[in-house]
Amino acid sequence: MKRALERALKIVVVLLLLVILPLGAYAISLRVQFTGDPSARTRNQDALWLGHAWVDGRKTAADVTALAQRLQGTGIRDLYVHAGPLEHDGSLPLAKVSPKARWFVDAVRAAAPGVRVQAWLGDVVQPGKDPGMNLDDAAVRRRVVESASAVLQQGFQGIHYDFEPVRSGSAGYLAVLDETRALGTTLSVAAAQIDPLWYLHAIPVDKWWSQDYFRQVAERVNQIAVMSYDTALPLESLYGGYVAKQTKLALEVTPPTTDLLMGLPAYWENNAVHWGDAETVSAAVRGARLGLGDSPRQNFGPALYVDFAATDEHWAAYRDGWCVAP
């Protein structure tokens, strides 16, 4: 019995070491990524995700004026306003979903003429979500593109897709990007994080893309915005290091003609995948700057998610960390 217990204990110790040591080494590497002096920042390449209230009648002219004032002195040139969601079959009931879209686009053009307004469209997708949209279905993709064409008629200056969770390697997703490009408009996407370790993209949780798949997506769009949040990392230093690593990985494969943006978590949650005290705007900004390093790329910037949850503190962290000259 004693020998059996000793043998079992040894097995447990070995298993713990196999898990703890790699994770410990990974945590140290992230902490190292978060050290050093942040680089100089790019200018006027930033973006902001906006909620649905801007196109369904809840917002007023006074709200647009306040938004334009909020944008002054920042580098935000793109607004991704939620104009969906798409139905699972790819269709979009415009009159029901976004009756005030034309008004909003016109109002922003008048109040902030240098800002581009893109229609944020998306849905949950199969096989990760069922029921969900099947992007491998040509008929579904055709209706998605028809919906994108319809919102452009409302005055939007681009299409911003946010399909989740897109599995790394999805051919249907690449196909809908190719088919949407035929509309001849600005095309941007909210992208999954890049596999930072081993082959995490092969795990069927649809959280990460391989770096090569990220490249394939980036080659097909004008802008790619990494959803660099909900990482489950418990410390601000680890999260900031993770954003720095994600920035470096994305820079390596994003074509020079494609704008690269890193998402900033301008919201508060505290759960298993998002530790509110760790995933801060200030850590994400610093991580993005450290990841940018001495890269000469100018079409790079942060993207704040999301307007209706962002506090004055979130905005201050973005302004102080990115927009204010050193």
C-alpha atoms as a PDB file:
ATOM      1  CA  MET A   1       0.000   0.000   0.000  1.00  0.00           C
ATOM      2  CA  LYS A   2       2.772   2.423   0.925  1.00  0.00           C
ATOM      3  CA  ARG A   3       4.554   1.824  -2.389  1.00  0.00           C
ATOM      4  CA  ALA A   4       1.324   2.350  -4.297  1.00  0.00           C
ATOM      5  CA  LEU A   5       0.757   5.664  -2.507  1.00  0.00           C
ATOM      6  CA  GLU A   6       4.319   6.755  -3.209  1.00  0.00           C
ATOM      7  CA  ARG A   7       3.932   5.839  -6.854  1.00  0.00           C
ATOM      8  CA  ALA A   8       0.634   7.732  -7.074  1.00  0.00           C
ATOM      9  CA  LEU A   9       2.212  10.767  -5.398  1.00  0.00           C
ATOM     10  CA  LYS A  10       5.079  10.740  -7.861  1.00  0.00           C
ATOM     11  CA  ILE A  11       2.644  10.636 -10.757  1.00  0.00           C
ATOM     12  CA  VAL A  12       0.717  13.587  -9.337  1.00  0.00           C
ATOM     13  CA  VAL A  13       3.931  15.578  -8.847  1.00  0.00           C
ATOM     14  CA  VAL A  14       5.065  14.852 -12.400  1.00  0.00           C
ATOM     15  CA  LEU A  15       1.693  15.853 -13.829  1.00  0.00           C
ATOM     16  CA  LEU A  16       1.707  19.078 -11.821  1.00  0.00           C
ATOM     17  CA  LEU A  17       5.206  19.899 -13.011  1.00  0.00           C
ATOM     18  CA  LEU A  18       4.200  19.240 -16.604  1.00  0.00           C
ATOM     19  CA  VAL A  19       1.438  21.811 -16.214  1.00  0.00           C
ATOM     20  CA  ILE A  20       2.931  24.326 -13.790  1.00  0.00           C
ATOM     21  CA  LEU A  21       6.384  24.698 -15.296  1.00  0.00           C
ATOM     22  CA  PRO A  22       5.227  25.540 -18.847  1.00  0.00           C
ATOM     23  CA  LEU A  23       2.555  27.894 -17.533  1.00  0.00           C
ATOM     24  CA  GLY A  24       5.054  29.524 -15.210  1.00  0.00           C
ATOM     25  CA  ALA A  25       7.517  30.017 -18.045  1.00  0.00           C
ATOM     26  CA  TYR A  26       4.740  31.462 -20.195  1.00  0.00           C
ATOM     27  CA  ALA A  27       3.713  33.898 -17.438  1.00  0.00           C
ATOM     28  CA  ILE A  28       7.315  35.047 -17.063  1.00  0.00           C
ATOM     29  CA  SER A  29       7.578  35.590 -20.817  1.00  0.00           C
ATOM     30  CA  LEU A  30       4.451  37.759 -20.768  1.00  0.00           C
ATOM     31  CA  ARG A  31       5.793  39.795 -17.875  1.00  0.00           C
ATOM     32  CA  VAL A  32       9.012  40.365 -19.816  1.00  0.00           C
ATOM     33  CA  GLN A  33       6.974  41.500 -22.823  1.00  0.00           C
ATOM     34  CA  PHE A  34       5.516  44.250 -20.604  1.00  0.00           C
ATOM     35  CA  THR A  35       8.881  45.764 -19.697  1.00  0.00           C
ATOM     36  CA  GLY A  36      10.806  48.536 -21.412  1.00  0.00           C
ATOM     37  CA  ASP A  37      10.012  51.992 -22.697  1.00  0.00           C
ATOM     38  CA  PRO A  38       6.899  52.283 -24.892  1.00  0.00           C
ATOM     39  CA  SER A  39       7.459  53.448 -28.435  1.00  0.00           C
ATOM     40  CA  ALA A  40       6.316  56.610 -30.121  1.00  0.00           C
ATOM     41  CA  ARG A  41       2.664  56.440 -31.113  1.00  0.00           C
ATOM     42  CA  THR A  42       0.955  56.606 -34.477  1.00  0.00           C
ATOM     43  CA  ARG A  43      -1.590  59.314 -35.167  1.00  0.00           C
ATOM     44  CA  ASN A  44      -5.159  59.438 -36.494  1.00  0.00           C
ATOM     45  CA  GLN A  45      -5.540  55.717 -37.154  1.00  0.00           C
ATOM     46  CA  ASP A  46      -7.827  54.773 -34.259  1.00  0.00           C
ATOM     47  CA  ALA A  47     -11.375  53.399 -34.098  1.00  0.00           C
ATOM     48  CA  LEU A  48     -14.361  53.119 -31.769  1.00  0.00           C
ATOM     49  CA  TRP A  49     -17.110  50.508 -31.624  1.00  0.00           C
ATOM     50  CA  LEU A  50     -20.562  52.073 -31.123  1.00  0.00           C
ATOM     51  CA  GLY A  51     -23.690  50.356 -29.848  1.00  0.00           C
ATOM     52  CA  HIS A  52     -27.032  49.919 -31.556  1.00  0.00           C
ATOM     53  CA  ALA A  53     -28.712  52.902 -29.894  1.00  0.00           C
ATOM     54  CA  TRP A  54     -27.238  55.219 -32.532  1.00  0.00           C
ATOM     55  CA  VAL A  55     -29.312  53.723 -35.354  1.00  0.00           C
ATOM     56  CA  ASP A  56     -32.560  52.610 -33.708  1.00  0.00           C
ATOM     57  CA  GLY A  57     -33.898  55.988 -32.573  1.00  0.00           C
ATOM     58  CA  ARG A  58     -32.686  56.172 -28.979  1.00  0.00           C
ATOM     59  CA  LYS A  59     -29.976  58.770 -29.668  1.00  0.00           C
ATOM     60  CA  THR A  60     -30.580  62.447 -30.450  1.00  0.00           C
ATOM     61  CA  ALA A  61     -28.796  65.288 -32.208  1.00  0.00           C
ATOM     62  CA  ALA A  62     -27.450  66.368 -28.821  1.00  0.00           C
ATOM     63  CA  ASP A  63     -25.882  62.926 -28.415  1.00  0.00           C
ATOM     64  CA  VAL A  64     -24.141  63.241 -31.791  1.00  0.00           C
ATOM     65  CA  THR A  65     -22.799  66.651 -30.783  1.00  0.00           C
ATOM     66  CA  ALA A  66     -21.468  65.192 -27.533  1.00  0.00           C
ATOM     67  CA  LEU A  67     -19.899  62.291 -29.431  1.00  0.00           C
ATOM     68  CA  ALA A  68     -18.158  64.659 -31.839  1.00  0.00           C
ATOM     69  CA  GLN A  69     -16.818  66.646 -28.901  1.00  0.00           C
ATOM     70  CA  ARG A  70     -15.596  63.443 -27.261  1.00  0.00           C
ATOM     71  CA  LEU A  71     -13.686  62.536 -30.433  1.00  0.00           C
ATOM     72  CA  GLN A  72     -11.890  65.872 -30.644  1.00  0.00           C
ATOM     73  CA  GLY A  73      -8.220  65.602 -29.822  1.00  0.00           C
ATOM     74  CA  THR A  74      -8.194  61.835 -30.295  1.00  0.00           C
ATOM     75  CA  GLY A  75      -6.972  59.844 -33.269  1.00  0.00           C
ATOM     76  CA  ILE A  76     -10.330  58.188 -33.930  1.00  0.00           C
ATOM     77  CA  ARG A  77     -11.160  58.264 -37.616  1.00  0.00           C
ATOM     78  CA  ASP A  78     -13.432  55.191 -37.854  1.00  0.00           C
ATOM     79  CA  LEU A  79     -16.701  54.431 -36.082  1.00  0.00           C
ATOM     80  CA  TYR A  80     -18.024  50.869 -36.216  1.00  0.00           C
ATOM     81  CA  VAL A  81     -21.710  51.344 -35.414  1.00  0.00           C
ATOM     82  CA  HIS A  82     -23.794  48.259 -34.712  1.00  0.00           C
ATOM     83  CA  ALA A  83     -26.273  48.041 -37.583  1.00  0.00           C
ATOM     84  CA  GLY A  84     -27.202  44.364 -37.223  1.00  0.00           C
ATOM     85  CA  PRO A  85     -27.459  41.713 -36.039  1.00  0.00           C
ATOM     86  CA  LEU A  86     -27.839  39.634 -39.154  1.00  0.00           C
ATOM     87  CA  GLU A  87     -30.330  36.792 -39.158  1.00  0.00           C
ATOM     88  CA  HIS A  88     -28.859  33.291 -39.248  1.00  0.00           C
ATOM     89  CA  ASP A  89     -29.773  33.069 -42.938  1.00  0.00           C
ATOM     90  CA  GLY A  90     -27.764  36.233 -43.709  1.00  0.00           C
ATOM     91  CA  SER A  91     -30.715  38.548 -44.156  1.00  0.00           C
ATOM     92  CA  LEU A  92     -31.243  41.883 -42.392  1.00  0.00           C
ATOM     93  CA  PRO A  93     -34.628  43.600 -41.813  1.00  0.00           C
ATOM     94  CA  LEU A  94     -33.354  47.164 -42.210  1.00  0.00           C
ATOM     95  CA  ALA A  95     -36.593  49.006 -41.467  1.00  0.00           C
ATOM     96  CA  LYS A  96     -36.919  47.162 -38.178  1.00  0.00           C
ATOM     97  CA  VAL A  97     -33.277  47.056 -37.100  1.00  0.00           C
ATOM     98  CA  SER A  98     -31.789  50.417 -38.104  1.00  0.00           C
ATOM     99  CA  PRO A  99     -34.498  52.967 -38.989  1.00  0.00           C
ATOM    100  CA  LYS A 100     -32.283  55.932 -38.021  1.00  0.00           C
ATOM    101  CA  ALA A 101     -29.109  54.819 -39.787  1.00  0.00           C
ATOM    102  CA  ARG A 102     -29.253  57.436 -42.560  1.00  0.00           C
ATOM    103  CA  TRP A 103     -29.883  60.166 -40.006  1.00  0.00           C
ATOM    104  CA  PHE A 104     -26.913  59.075 -37.896  1.00  0.00           C
ATOM    105  CA  VAL A 105     -24.469  58.875 -40.794  1.00  0.00           C
ATOM    106  CA  ASP A 106     -25.497  62.317 -42.043  1.00  0.00           C
ATOM    107  CA  ALA A 107     -25.334  63.782 -38.541  1.00  0.00           C
ATOM    108  CA  VAL A 108     -21.780  62.470 -37.974  1.00  0.00           C
ATOM    109  CA  ARG A 109     -20.636  63.800 -41.330  1.00  0.00           C
ATOM    110  CA  ALA A 110     -21.867  67.236 -40.316  1.00  0.00           C
ATOM    111  CA  ALA A 111     -20.523  67.151 -36.747  1.00  0.00           C
ATOM    112  CA  ALA A 112     -17.241  65.298 -37.396  1.00  0.00           C
ATOM    113  CA  PRO A 113     -16.511  65.437 -41.128  1.00  0.00           C
ATOM    114  CA  GLY A 114     -13.134  63.689 -40.833  1.00  0.00           C
ATOM    115  CA  VAL A 115     -14.638  60.554 -39.302  1.00  0.00           C
ATOM    116  CA  ARG A 116     -15.712  57.529 -41.367  1.00  0.00           C
ATOM    117  CA  VAL A 117     -18.813  55.595 -40.324  1.00  0.00           C
ATOM    118  CA  GLN A 118     -18.874  51.856 -41.000  1.00  0.00           C
ATOM    119  CA  ALA A 119     -21.780  49.443 -40.508  1.00  0.00           C
ATOM    120  CA  TRP A 120     -20.963  46.800 -37.894  1.00  0.00           C
ATOM    121  CA  LEU A 121     -22.669  43.578 -38.983  1.00  0.00           C
ATOM    122  CA  GLY A 122     -22.334  40.138 -37.475  1.00  0.00           C
ATOM    123  CA  ASP A 123     -23.812  37.002 -36.027  1.00  0.00           C
ATOM    124  CA  VAL A 124     -22.810  33.877 -34.149  1.00  0.00           C
ATOM    125  CA  VAL A 125     -21.570  31.225 -36.539  1.00  0.00           C
ATOM    126  CA  GLN A 126     -21.405  27.470 -36.826  1.00  0.00           C
ATOM    127  CA  PRO A 127     -19.942  25.081 -35.827  1.00  0.00           C
ATOM    128  CA  GLY A 128     -19.064  26.880 -32.597  1.00  0.00           C
ATOM    129  CA  LYS A 129     -22.641  28.097 -32.138  1.00  0.00           C
ATOM    130  CA  ASP A 130     -25.694  26.097 -33.150  1.00  0.00           C
ATOM    131  CA  PRO A 131     -28.089  27.530 -34.057  1.00  0.00           C
ATOM    132  CA  GLY A 132     -25.911  30.017 -35.878  1.00  0.00           C
ATOM    133  CA  MET A 133     -24.937  31.223 -39.320  1.00  0.00           C
ATOM    134  CA  ASN A 134     -23.375  28.696 -41.685  1.00  0.00           C
ATOM    135  CA  LEU A 135     -20.761  30.603 -43.674  1.00  0.00           C
ATOM    136  CA  ASP A 136     -20.000  27.486 -45.702  1.00  0.00           C
ATOM    137  CA  ASP A 137     -23.442  27.842 -47.291  1.00  0.00           C
ATOM    138  CA  ALA A 138     -23.166  29.872 -50.512  1.00  0.00           C
ATOM    139  CA  ALA A 139     -26.799  31.011 -50.257  1.00  0.00           C
ATOM    140  CA  VAL A 140     -26.202  32.369 -46.743  1.00  0.00           C
ATOM    141  CA  ARG A 141     -23.094  34.223 -47.893  1.00  0.00           C
ATOM    142  CA  ARG A 142     -25.016  35.701 -50.810  1.00  0.00           C
ATOM    143  CA  ARG A 143     -27.627  37.107 -48.441  1.00  0.00           C
ATOM    144  CA  VAL A 144     -24.879  38.465 -46.163  1.00  0.00           C
ATOM    145  CA  VAL A 145     -23.402  40.392 -49.085  1.00  0.00           C
ATOM    146  CA  GLU A 146     -26.879  41.583 -50.097  1.00  0.00           C
ATOM    147  CA  SER A 147     -27.380  42.858 -46.546  1.00  0.00           C
ATOM    148  CA  ALA A 148     -24.020  44.628 -46.666  1.00  0.00           C
ATOM    149  CA  SER A 149     -24.996  46.236 -49.961  1.00  0.00           C
ATOM    150  CA  ALA A 150     -28.297  47.379 -48.455  1.00  0.00           C
ATOM    151  CA  VAL A 151     -26.702  49.129 -45.477  1.00  0.00           C
ATOM    152  CA  LEU A 152     -24.318  50.915 -47.820  1.00  0.00           C
ATOM    153  CA  GLN A 153     -27.406  52.437 -49.387  1.00  0.00           C
ATOM    154  CA  GLN A 154     -28.129  53.939 -45.970  1.00  0.00           C
ATOM    155  CA  GLY A 155     -24.979  56.014 -46.345  1.00  0.00           C
ATOM    156  CA  PHE A 156     -22.418  53.925 -44.475  1.00  0.00           C
ATOM    157  CA  GLN A 157     -18.864  54.310 -45.754  1.00  0.00           C
ATOM    158  CA  GLY A 158     -17.741  50.774 -45.087  1.00  0.00           C
ATOM    159  CA  ILE A 159     -18.638  47.325 -43.770  1.00  0.00           C
ATOM    160  CA  HIS A 160     -17.289  45.996 -40.474  1.00  0.00           C
ATOM    161  CA  TYR A 161     -17.859  42.270 -39.933  1.00  0.00           C
ATOM    162  CA  ASP A 162     -17.880  40.670 -36.500  1.00  0.00           C
ATOM    163  CA  PHE A 163     -18.673  36.977 -36.905  1.00  0.00           C
ATOM    164  CA  GLU A 164     -17.979  34.877 -33.825  1.00  0.00           C
ATOM    165  CA  PRO A 165     -16.602  32.369 -33.187  1.00  0.00           C
ATOM    166  CA  VAL A 166     -14.839  31.911 -36.530  1.00  0.00           C
ATOM    167  CA  ARG A 167     -12.765  28.743 -36.429  1.00  0.00           C
ATOM    168  CA  SER A 168      -9.153  29.027 -37.557  1.00  0.00           C
ATOM    169  CA  GLY A 169      -8.981  27.818 -41.148  1.00  0.00           C
ATOM    170  CA  SER A 170     -12.634  28.535 -41.971  1.00  0.00           C
ATOM    171  CA  ALA A 171     -12.993  28.622 -45.763  1.00  0.00           C
ATOM    172  CA  GLY A 172     -16.516  30.039 -45.560  1.00  0.00           C
ATOM    173  CA  TYR A 173     -15.313  33.111 -43.697  1.00  0.00           C
ATOM    174  CA  LEU A 174     -12.603  33.802 -46.262  1.00  0.00           C
ATOM    175  CA  ALA A 175     -15.194  33.350 -49.008  1.00  0.00           C
ATOM    176  CA  VAL A 176     -17.612  35.903 -47.550  1.00  0.00           C
ATOM    177  CA  LEU A 177     -14.756  38.404 -47.302  1.00  0.00           C
ATOM    178  CA  ASP A 178     -13.846  37.828 -50.948  1.00  0.00           C
ATOM    179  CA  GLU A 179     -17.468  38.170 -52.008  1.00  0.00           C
ATOM    180  CA  THR A 180     -17.974  41.361 -49.997  1.00  0.00           C
ATOM    181  CA  ARG A 181     -14.905  42.967 -51.551  1.00  0.00           C
ATOM    182  CA  ALA A 182     -16.779  42.966 -54.848  1.00  0.00           C
ATOM    183  CA  LEU A 183     -18.951  45.763 -53.402  1.00  0.00           C
ATOM    184  CA  GLY A 184     -15.949  48.075 -53.725  1.00  0.00           C
ATOM    185  CA  THR A 185     -16.249  49.576 -50.246  1.00  0.00           C
ATOM    186  CA  THR A 186     -13.988  49.736 -47.198  1.00  0.00           C
ATOM    187  CA  LEU A 187     -14.024  46.329 -45.520  1.00  0.00           C
ATOM    188  CA  SER A 188     -12.936  45.808 -41.921  1.00  0.00           C
ATOM    189  CA  VAL A 189     -13.235  42.913 -39.495  1.00  0.00           C
ATOM    190  CA  ALA A 190     -13.076  42.178 -35.787  1.00  0.00           C
ATOM    191  CA  ALA A 191     -10.488  39.405 -35.588  1.00  0.00           C
ATOM    192  CA  ALA A 192      -9.773  36.627 -33.120  1.00  0.00           C
ATOM    193  CA  GLN A 193      -6.509  36.592 -31.196  1.00  0.00           C
ATOM    194  CA  ILE A 194      -3.484  34.860 -32.686  1.00  0.00           C
ATOM    195  CA  ASP A 195      -2.373  31.565 -31.190  1.00  0.00           C
ATOM    196  CA  PRO A 196       0.349  32.697 -28.729  1.00  0.00           C
ATOM    197  CA  LEU A 197       1.509  29.298 -27.534  1.00  0.00           C
ATOM    198  CA  TRP A 198       1.834  25.773 -28.882  1.00  0.00           C
ATOM    199  CA  TYR A 199      -1.184  24.947 -31.077  1.00  0.00           C
ATOM    200  CA  LEU A 200      -4.022  26.516 -29.145  1.00  0.00           C
ATOM    201  CA  HIS A 201      -5.898  27.241 -32.388  1.00  0.00           C
ATOM    202  CA  ALA A 202      -6.321  23.474 -32.816  1.00  0.00           C
ATOM    203  CA  ILE A 203      -8.342  23.252 -29.585  1.00  0.00           C
ATOM    204  CA  PRO A 204     -12.050  23.342 -30.524  1.00  0.00           C
ATOM    205  CA  VAL A 205     -12.886  26.388 -28.411  1.00  0.00           C
ATOM    206  CA  ASP A 206     -12.564  28.763 -31.395  1.00  0.00           C
ATOM    207  CA  LYS A 207     -10.675  31.357 -29.364  1.00  0.00           C
ATOM    208  CA  TRP A 208      -7.490  31.681 -31.385  1.00  0.00           C
ATOM    209  CA  TRP A 209      -6.442  31.757 -35.028  1.00  0.00           C
ATOM    210  CA  SER A 210      -3.168  30.478 -36.362  1.00  0.00           C
ATOM    211  CA  GLN A 211      -0.850  33.257 -37.444  1.00  0.00           C
ATOM    212  CA  ASP A 212      -1.123  32.071 -41.042  1.00  0.00           C
ATOM    213  CA  TYR A 213      -4.922  32.210 -40.975  1.00  0.00           C
ATOM    214  CA  PHE A 214      -4.767  35.710 -39.502  1.00  0.00           C
ATOM    215  CA  ARG A 215      -2.562  36.636 -42.469  1.00  0.00           C
ATOM    216  CA  GLN A 216      -5.089  35.215 -44.932  1.00  0.00           C
ATOM    217  CA  VAL A 217      -7.847  37.300 -43.371  1.00  0.00           C
ATOM    218  CA  ALA A 218      -5.705  40.453 -43.221  1.00  0.00           C
ATOM    219  CA  GLU A 219      -4.864  40.106 -46.917  1.00  0.00           C
ATOM    220  CA  ARG A 220      -8.569  40.322 -47.784  1.00  0.00           C
ATOM    221  CA  VAL A 221      -9.569  43.440 -45.838  1.00  0.00           C
ATOM    222  CA  ASN A 222      -8.726  47.109 -45.486  1.00  0.00           C
ATOM    223  CA  GLN A 223      -8.693  47.017 -41.693  1.00  0.00           C
ATOM    224  CA  ILE A 224      -8.289  44.250 -39.136  1.00  0.00           C
ATOM    225  CA  ALA A 225      -9.065  44.935 -35.471  1.00  0.00           C
ATOM    226  CA  VAL A 226      -7.854  42.338 -32.976  1.00  0.00           C
ATOM    227  CA  MET A 227     -10.289  41.591 -30.147  1.00  0.00           C
ATOM    228  CA  SER A 228      -7.399  41.643 -27.672  1.00  0.00           C
ATOM    229  CA  TYR A 229      -9.441  41.169 -24.510  1.00  0.00           C
ATOM    230  CA  ASP A 230     -11.233  38.386 -22.596  1.00  0.00           C
ATOM    231  CA  THR A 231      -7.908  36.636 -22.054  1.00  0.00           C
ATOM    232  CA  ALA A 232      -8.511  35.116 -18.577  1.00  0.00           C
ATOM    233  CA  LEU A 233      -5.207  36.611 -17.397  1.00  0.00           C
ATOM    234  CA  PRO A 234      -5.422  37.691 -13.738  1.00  0.00           C
ATOM    235  CA  LEU A 235      -2.729  40.386 -13.560  1.00  0.00           C
ATOM    236  CA  GLU A 236      -2.419  43.699 -15.371  1.00  0.00           C
ATOM    237  CA  SER A 237       1.242  43.037 -16.167  1.00  0.00           C
ATOM    238  CA  LEU A 238       0.435  39.657 -17.724  1.00  0.00           C
ATOM    239  CA  TYR A 239      -2.439  41.106 -19.734  1.00  0.00           C
ATOM    240  CA  GLY A 240      -0.327  44.008 -20.991  1.00  0.00           C
ATOM    241  CA  GLY A 241       2.424  41.582 -21.970  1.00  0.00           C
ATOM    242  CA  TYR A 242      -0.138  39.474 -23.796  1.00  0.00           C
ATOM    243  CA  VAL A 243      -1.317  42.501 -25.805  1.00  0.00           C
ATOM    244  CA  ALA A 244       2.316  43.310 -26.634  1.00  0.00           C
ATOM    245  CA  LYS A 245       2.813  39.752 -27.875  1.00  0.00           C
ATOM    246  CA  GLN A 246      -0.414  39.834 -29.887  1.00  0.00           C
ATOM    247  CA  THR A 247       0.674  43.122 -31.445  1.00  0.00           C
ATOM    248  CA  LYS A 248       4.023  41.673 -32.502  1.00  0.00           C
ATOM    249  CA  LEU A 249       2.434  38.542 -33.942  1.00  0.00           C
ATOM    250  CA  ALA A 250      -0.116  40.574 -35.897  1.00  0.00           C
ATOM    251  CA  LEU A 251       2.504  43.017 -37.201  1.00  0.00           C
ATOM    252  CA  GLU A 252       4.528  40.121 -38.593  1.00  0.00           C
ATOM    253  CA  VAL A 253       1.768  38.997 -40.953  1.00  0.00           C
ATOM    254  CA  THR A 254      -0.482  41.999 -41.606  1.00  0.00           C
ATOM    255  CA  PRO A 255       0.191  43.385 -45.110  1.00  0.00           C
ATOM    256  CA  PRO A 256       1.529  46.957 -45.137  1.00  0.00           C
ATOM    257  CA  THR A 257      -1.581  48.066 -47.037  1.00  0.00           C
ATOM    258  CA  THR A 258      -3.950  46.787 -44.321  1.00  0.00           C
ATOM    259  CA  ASP A 259      -4.675  48.902 -41.240  1.00  0.00           C
ATOM    260  CA  LEU A 260      -3.995  47.034 -37.998  1.00  0.00           C
ATOM    261  CA  LEU A 261      -5.853  47.963 -34.827  1.00  0.00           C
ATOM    262  CA  MET A 262      -5.603  46.512 -31.325  1.00  0.00           C
ATOM    263  CA  GLY A 263      -8.773  46.376 -29.238  1.00  0.00           C
ATOM    264  CA  LEU A 264      -8.934  48.219 -25.911  1.00  0.00           C
ATOM    265  CA  PRO A 265     -11.302  46.847 -23.230  1.00  0.00           C
ATOM    266  CA  ALA A 266     -13.273  49.986 -22.392  1.00  0.00           C
ATOM    267  CA  TYR A 267     -15.752  48.084 -20.242  1.00  0.00           C
ATOM    268  CA  TRP A 268     -15.887  46.395 -16.861  1.00  0.00           C
ATOM    269  CA  GLU A 269     -16.496  42.713 -16.293  1.00  0.00           C
ATOM    270  CA  ASN A 270     -15.180  40.307 -13.718  1.00  0.00           C
ATOM    271  CA  ASN A 271     -15.515  36.651 -14.602  1.00  0.00           C
ATOM    272  CA  ALA A 272     -13.486  33.620 -15.608  1.00  0.00           C
ATOM    273  CA  VAL A 273     -12.394  35.079 -18.961  1.00  0.00           C
ATOM    274  CA  HIS A 274     -12.121  38.754 -18.069  1.00  0.00           C
ATOM    275  CA  TRP A 275     -10.521  39.991 -14.846  1.00  0.00           C
ATOM    276  CA  GLY A 276     -11.620  43.597 -14.526  1.00  0.00           C
ATOM    277  CA  ASP A 277      -8.606  44.754 -12.530  1.00  0.00           C
ATOM    278  CA  ALA A 278      -6.215  43.127 -15.009  1.00  0.00           C
ATOM    279  CA  GLU A 279      -7.721  43.911 -18.399  1.00  0.00           C
ATOM    280  CA  THR A 280      -7.465  47.688 -18.336  1.00  0.00           C
ATOM    281  CA  VAL A 281      -7.288  50.262 -21.099  1.00  0.00           C
ATOM    282  CA  SER A 282      -3.986  51.567 -19.758  1.00  0.00           C
ATOM    283  CA  ALA A 283      -2.402  48.090 -19.834  1.00  0.00           C
ATOM    284  CA  ALA A 284      -3.690  47.454 -23.357  1.00  0.00           C
ATOM    285  CA  VAL A 285      -2.396  50.818 -24.588  1.00  0.00           C
ATOM    286  CA  ARG A 286       1.022  50.261 -23.090  1.00  0.00           C
ATOM    287  CA  GLY A 287       1.104  46.706 -24.446  1.00  0.00           C
ATOM    288  CA  ALA A 288       0.234  47.895 -27.937  1.00  0.00           C
ATOM    289  CA  ARG A 289       2.971  50.529 -27.798  1.00  0.00           C
ATOM    290  CA  LEU A 290       5.537  48.013 -26.569  1.00  0.00           C
ATOM    291  CA  GLY A 291       4.495  45.592 -29.292  1.00  0.00           C
ATOM    292  CA  LEU A 292       4.780  48.291 -31.930  1.00  0.00           C
ATOM    293  CA  GLY A 293       8.312  48.977 -30.765  1.00  0.00           C
ATOM    294  CA  ASP A 294      10.352  50.782 -33.391  1.00  0.00           C
ATOM    295  CA  SER A 295       8.217  49.599 -36.301  1.00  0.00           C
ATOM    296  CA  PRO A 296       7.840  52.269 -38.989  1.00  0.00           C
ATOM    297  CA  ARG A 297       4.226  51.235 -39.638  1.00  0.00           C
ATOM    298  CA  GLN A 298       1.868  54.200 -39.501  1.00  0.00           C
ATOM    299  CA  ASN A 299      -1.460  52.535 -40.339  1.00  0.00           C
ATOM    300  CA  PHE A 300      -1.744  51.182 -36.803  1.00  0.00           C
ATOM    301  CA  GLY A 301      -3.754  52.225 -33.798  1.00  0.00           C
ATOM    302  CA  PRO A 302      -6.044  51.215 -30.928  1.00  0.00           C
ATOM    303  CA  ALA A 303      -9.784  50.567 -31.147  1.00  0.00           C
ATOM    304  CA  LEU A 304     -11.989  51.147 -28.099  1.00  0.00           C
ATOM    305  CA  TYR A 305     -14.693  48.637 -27.227  1.00  0.00           C
ATOM    306  CA  VAL A 306     -17.329  49.909 -26.549  1.00  0.00           C
ATOM    307  CA  ASP A 307     -18.896  53.383 -26.319  1.00  0.00           C
ATOM    308  CA  PHE A 308     -21.858  52.586 -24.065  1.00  0.00           C
ATOM    309  CA  ALA A 309     -19.633  50.966 -21.437  1.00  0.00           C
ATOM    310  CA  ALA A 310     -16.661  53.334 -21.621  1.00  0.00           C
ATOM    311  CA  THR A 311     -16.187  55.547 -18.573  1.00  0.00           C
ATOM    312  CA  ASP A 312     -14.364  58.848 -18.258  1.00  0.00           C
ATOM    313  CA  GLU A 313     -11.498  56.859 -16.762  1.00  0.00           C
ATOM    314  CA  HIS A 314     -11.339  54.620 -19.830  1.00  0.00           C
ATOM    315  CA  TRP A 315     -11.256  57.640 -22.117  1.00  0.00           C
ATOM    316  CA  ALA A 316      -8.587  59.314 -19.987  1.00  0.00           C
ATOM    317  CA  ALA A 317      -6.403  56.189 -20.100  1.00  0.00           C
ATOM    318  CA  TYR A 318      -6.694  56.093 -23.882  1.00  0.00           C
ATOM    319  CA  ARG A 319      -5.983  59.803 -24.275  1.00  0.00           C
ATOM    320  CA  ASP A 320      -3.107  59.922 -21.807  1.00  0.00           C
ATOM    321  CA  GLY A 321      -1.520  56.689 -23.017  1.00  0.00           C
ATOM    322  CA  TRP A 322      -1.911  57.161 -26.748  1.00  0.00           C
ATOM    323  CA  CYS A 323      -3.071  60.607 -27.812  1.00  0.00           C
ATOM    324  CA  VAL A 324      -1.014  62.944 -25.600  1.00  0.00           C
ATOM    325  CA  ALA A 325       2.413  63.718 -26.998  1.00  0.00           C
ATOM    326  CA  PRO A 326       5.272  62.722 -24.664  1.00  0.00           C
END
